[in-house]
Amino acid sequence: MRLRPPPHAPPLLADLPARRLLCGPYDVATSAPRVVENFLDTAHFGLVHEGRLGDRGHLEVPNYDVVDDAHGRPGVPHYRAWQPQGSAAASAAGWVDYRYQVLSPYGAVLAKRGEGEAPQEAYALWVAPTEPEACRVWFTIFTADETRDDATLVGFQDTIFRQDRPVLESQRPRRLPLAGGERHCAADRLSTAYRRWLQREGITFGVC
């Protein structure tokens, strides 16, 4: 069991737990922006990740605010979700506070904490485009859990991404549309903010 990151561990992001584990790589037959948008989407928790990150009794997406950081990157400082098992360390269902932040065109992070607790876990997404409609994906888990071994924590994330992959690979077009053609609702405000930011940044790879 290894409870401390090795010298080659991923970089530590500010305000996140020091223990960090790398998950992946996962090769996915879709564009890198599709993967990032899926990571930012909250509406699919109770459908794709039922029994873990959501359930069908809590499908409503609460109102939330999208806020740009100092670099103009969109994020959500506070999002509240009901989760039967929000992480490998979770022992009971409960409300979890999420904090999302886009880091780059192909990267983002979310921090999670239960009610009344300091931030205990975060997940950073790193996507490397290999083709306009294919990519390789990694996650970094940042956790305060010092009891569970690496395999248990990584295995939980493997399960979550195995549930996401068939949905991602079924989406058409595989490139993320920035010029319209897909319908959105209020639950998609972070996703649409991400698309607008890609347009402002002049991103052309993996989009259409």
Protein backbone atom coordinates (compact mmCIF):
# COMPACT_ATOMS: atom_id res chain seq x y z
CA MET A 1 0.00 0.00 0.00
CA ARG A 2 1.36 3.43 -0.95
CA LEU A 3 -0.18 6.40 0.86
CA ARG A 4 2.25 9.10 -0.24
CA PRO A 5 2.82 10.21 -3.83
CA PRO A 6 6.06 9.03 -5.44
CA PRO A 7 8.57 11.61 -6.75
CA HIS A 8 6.99 11.43 -10.25
CA ALA A 9 3.44 12.11 -9.00
CA PRO A 10 1.31 14.69 -10.84
CA PRO A 11 1.73 18.30 -9.73
CA LEU A 12 -0.06 19.47 -6.61
CA LEU A 13 -2.78 22.06 -7.33
CA ALA A 14 -3.43 24.83 -4.83
CA ASP A 15 -5.83 24.15 -1.95
CA LEU A 16 -6.16 20.44 -2.74
CA PRO A 17 -5.13 17.43 -0.61
CA ALA A 18 -1.49 16.41 -0.96
CA ARG A 19 -2.02 12.70 -1.68
CA ARG A 20 -2.51 12.25 -5.41
CA LEU A 21 -2.95 9.31 -7.72
CA LEU A 22 -2.91 9.12 -11.51
CA CYS A 23 -5.70 7.20 -13.29
CA GLY A 24 -5.46 6.13 -16.90
CA PRO A 25 -4.63 6.47 -19.65
CA TYR A 26 -7.97 5.80 -21.30
CA ASP A 27 -8.19 5.94 -25.10
CA VAL A 28 -11.53 7.33 -26.25
CA ALA A 29 -13.03 7.55 -29.75
CA THR A 30 -14.27 11.11 -29.45
CA SER A 31 -12.80 14.61 -29.44
CA ALA A 32 -11.02 16.04 -26.42
CA PRO A 33 -13.61 18.84 -25.93
CA ARG A 34 -16.42 16.26 -25.78
CA VAL A 35 -14.64 14.61 -22.83
CA VAL A 36 -14.17 17.92 -21.03
CA GLU A 37 -17.80 18.89 -21.54
CA ASN A 38 -18.95 15.53 -20.16
CA PHE A 39 -16.78 16.10 -17.09
CA LEU A 40 -18.44 19.50 -16.57
CA ASP A 41 -21.97 18.15 -17.01
CA THR A 42 -23.99 17.55 -13.85
CA ALA A 43 -27.30 16.45 -15.39
CA HIS A 44 -26.13 12.91 -16.19
CA PHE A 45 -25.17 11.81 -12.65
CA GLY A 46 -28.43 10.02 -11.81
CA LEU A 47 -28.68 8.34 -15.22
CA VAL A 48 -25.15 7.28 -16.16
CA HIS A 49 -23.73 6.90 -12.62
CA GLU A 50 -26.83 5.70 -10.77
CA GLY A 51 -25.98 4.26 -7.36
CA ARG A 52 -22.72 6.15 -7.14
CA LEU A 53 -22.77 9.81 -8.21
CA GLY A 54 -26.56 10.10 -8.41
CA ASP A 55 -29.94 8.39 -8.47
CA ARG A 56 -33.21 8.74 -10.35
CA GLY A 57 -34.91 10.26 -7.34
CA HIS A 58 -32.62 13.31 -7.55
CA LEU A 59 -32.43 14.15 -11.25
CA GLU A 60 -33.28 17.84 -10.93
CA VAL A 61 -30.32 20.13 -11.54
CA PRO A 62 -30.35 22.98 -9.01
CA ASN A 63 -29.72 26.55 -10.03
CA TYR A 64 -26.03 27.42 -10.07
CA ASP A 65 -23.82 30.33 -11.11
CA VAL A 66 -21.02 30.24 -13.68
CA VAL A 67 -18.15 32.54 -12.72
CA ASP A 68 -15.05 33.33 -14.78
CA ASP A 69 -11.72 33.26 -12.97
CA ALA A 70 -8.99 35.90 -13.31
CA HIS A 71 -7.93 34.31 -16.62
CA GLY A 72 -11.46 34.32 -18.05
CA ARG A 73 -11.92 30.57 -17.66
CA PRO A 74 -15.43 29.48 -16.61
CA GLY A 75 -16.13 27.64 -13.40
CA VAL A 76 -18.83 26.96 -10.82
CA PRO A 77 -17.86 27.96 -7.27
CA HIS A 78 -20.72 26.04 -5.65
CA TYR A 79 -22.87 23.16 -6.87
CA ARG A 80 -24.89 20.88 -4.59
CA ALA A 81 -25.48 17.23 -5.58
CA TRP A 82 -27.07 14.20 -3.89
CA GLN A 83 -24.73 11.24 -4.16
CA PRO A 84 -25.27 7.64 -2.97
CA GLN A 85 -21.48 7.10 -3.04
CA GLY A 86 -19.57 10.18 -4.08
CA SER A 87 -16.13 8.55 -3.82
CA ALA A 88 -14.39 5.33 -2.86
CA ALA A 89 -14.09 6.74 0.67
CA ALA A 90 -17.79 7.63 1.05
CA SER A 91 -19.55 5.47 3.63
CA ALA A 92 -23.10 6.82 3.20
CA ALA A 93 -25.30 8.77 0.81
CA GLY A 94 -25.50 12.51 1.30
CA TRP A 95 -25.29 15.99 -0.15
CA VAL A 96 -21.94 16.91 -1.63
CA ASP A 97 -20.67 20.37 -2.59
CA TYR A 98 -18.85 20.56 -5.92
CA ARG A 99 -16.53 23.27 -7.17
CA TYR A 100 -15.72 23.17 -10.89
CA GLN A 101 -12.97 25.05 -12.73
CA VAL A 102 -11.87 24.86 -16.36
CA LEU A 103 -8.05 24.86 -16.42
CA SER A 104 -7.31 24.75 -20.14
CA PRO A 105 -9.07 23.89 -23.41
CA TYR A 106 -8.52 20.22 -22.59
CA GLY A 107 -8.37 20.20 -18.79
CA ALA A 108 -10.57 20.88 -15.76
CA VAL A 109 -10.81 20.13 -12.04
CA LEU A 110 -13.59 19.58 -9.53
CA ALA A 111 -13.25 19.65 -5.74
CA LYS A 112 -15.76 17.81 -3.54
CA ARG A 113 -16.67 18.02 0.13
CA GLY A 114 -19.45 16.72 2.31
CA GLU A 115 -21.54 18.96 4.50
CA GLY A 116 -19.59 20.64 7.29
CA GLU A 117 -16.23 19.25 6.14
CA ALA A 118 -13.06 20.76 4.72
CA PRO A 119 -12.36 19.81 1.09
CA GLN A 120 -11.47 16.13 1.13
CA GLU A 121 -11.21 15.08 -2.49
CA ALA A 122 -10.72 16.50 -5.96
CA TYR A 123 -10.45 15.14 -9.49
CA ALA A 124 -8.43 16.79 -12.23
CA LEU A 125 -9.06 15.83 -15.86
CA TRP A 126 -6.26 15.95 -18.43
CA VAL A 127 -7.06 15.17 -22.08
CA ALA A 128 -4.49 14.84 -24.86
CA PRO A 129 -6.02 15.02 -28.36
CA THR A 130 -4.51 12.34 -30.59
CA GLU A 131 -6.73 13.10 -33.58
CA PRO A 132 -9.60 15.57 -34.13
CA GLU A 133 -12.02 12.78 -33.13
CA ALA A 134 -9.90 10.74 -30.72
CA CYS A 135 -8.05 11.41 -27.49
CA ARG A 136 -6.23 9.96 -24.50
CA VAL A 137 -7.53 10.75 -21.01
CA TRP A 138 -6.01 10.83 -17.52
CA PHE A 139 -7.40 11.82 -14.12
CA THR A 140 -5.54 12.89 -11.00
CA ILE A 141 -7.24 12.07 -7.71
CA PHE A 142 -6.35 14.45 -4.87
CA THR A 143 -7.49 12.94 -1.60
CA ALA A 144 -7.15 13.30 2.16
CA ASP A 145 -7.91 9.58 2.58
CA GLU A 146 -4.88 7.94 4.19
CA THR A 147 -6.45 4.53 4.83
CA ARG A 148 -7.53 3.11 1.46
CA ASP A 149 -4.92 1.75 -0.89
CA ASP A 150 -4.16 3.10 -4.34
CA ALA A 151 -5.95 0.27 -6.16
CA THR A 152 -9.25 0.93 -4.37
CA LEU A 153 -9.23 4.66 -5.12
CA VAL A 154 -8.13 4.25 -8.73
CA GLY A 155 -10.62 1.41 -9.22
CA PHE A 156 -13.51 3.68 -8.26
CA GLN A 157 -12.49 6.22 -10.92
CA ASP A 158 -12.00 3.44 -13.47
CA THR A 159 -15.61 2.36 -12.86
CA ILE A 160 -16.94 5.90 -13.26
CA PHE A 161 -15.10 6.43 -16.54
CA ARG A 162 -16.15 3.03 -17.91
CA GLN A 163 -19.73 4.26 -17.47
CA ASP A 164 -18.97 7.53 -19.27
CA ARG A 165 -17.06 6.07 -22.22
CA PRO A 166 -19.95 4.49 -24.20
CA VAL A 167 -21.97 7.70 -23.86
CA LEU A 168 -19.03 9.77 -25.08
CA GLU A 169 -18.35 7.48 -28.02
CA SER A 170 -22.03 7.48 -29.07
CA GLN A 171 -22.27 11.27 -29.44
CA ARG A 172 -22.46 12.71 -32.93
CA PRO A 173 -20.76 14.70 -34.20
CA ARG A 174 -17.68 13.57 -32.35
CA ARG A 175 -16.26 17.08 -32.62
CA LEU A 176 -17.83 19.55 -30.22
CA PRO A 177 -20.13 21.97 -32.10
CA LEU A 178 -19.34 25.58 -31.30
CA ALA A 179 -21.50 27.13 -34.03
CA GLY A 180 -24.85 25.69 -32.91
CA GLY A 181 -26.80 22.64 -33.98
CA GLU A 182 -27.42 21.21 -30.49
CA ARG A 183 -30.16 22.23 -28.07
CA HIS A 184 -29.35 23.37 -24.54
CA CYS A 185 -31.29 24.03 -21.36
CA ALA A 186 -30.58 25.81 -18.07
CA ALA A 187 -28.78 22.73 -16.72
CA ASP A 188 -26.17 23.16 -19.48
CA ARG A 189 -25.00 26.65 -18.52
CA LEU A 190 -21.48 25.50 -17.60
CA SER A 191 -21.18 23.49 -20.81
CA THR A 192 -22.30 26.42 -22.94
CA ALA A 193 -19.92 28.74 -21.07
CA TYR A 194 -17.10 26.30 -21.87
CA ARG A 195 -18.08 26.33 -25.56
CA ARG A 196 -18.13 30.13 -25.65
CA TRP A 197 -14.73 30.23 -23.96
CA LEU A 198 -13.27 27.85 -26.59
CA GLN A 199 -14.56 30.20 -29.27
CA ARG A 200 -12.98 33.23 -27.57
CA GLU A 201 -9.69 31.36 -27.27
CA GLY A 202 -9.72 30.48 -30.96
CA ILE A 203 -9.63 26.70 -30.40
CA THR A 204 -10.12 24.83 -33.68
CA PHE A 205 -8.89 21.29 -32.95
CA GLY A 206 -11.65 18.85 -31.99
CA VAL A 207 -14.47 21.32 -32.57
CA CYS A 208 -16.76 22.15 -35.46
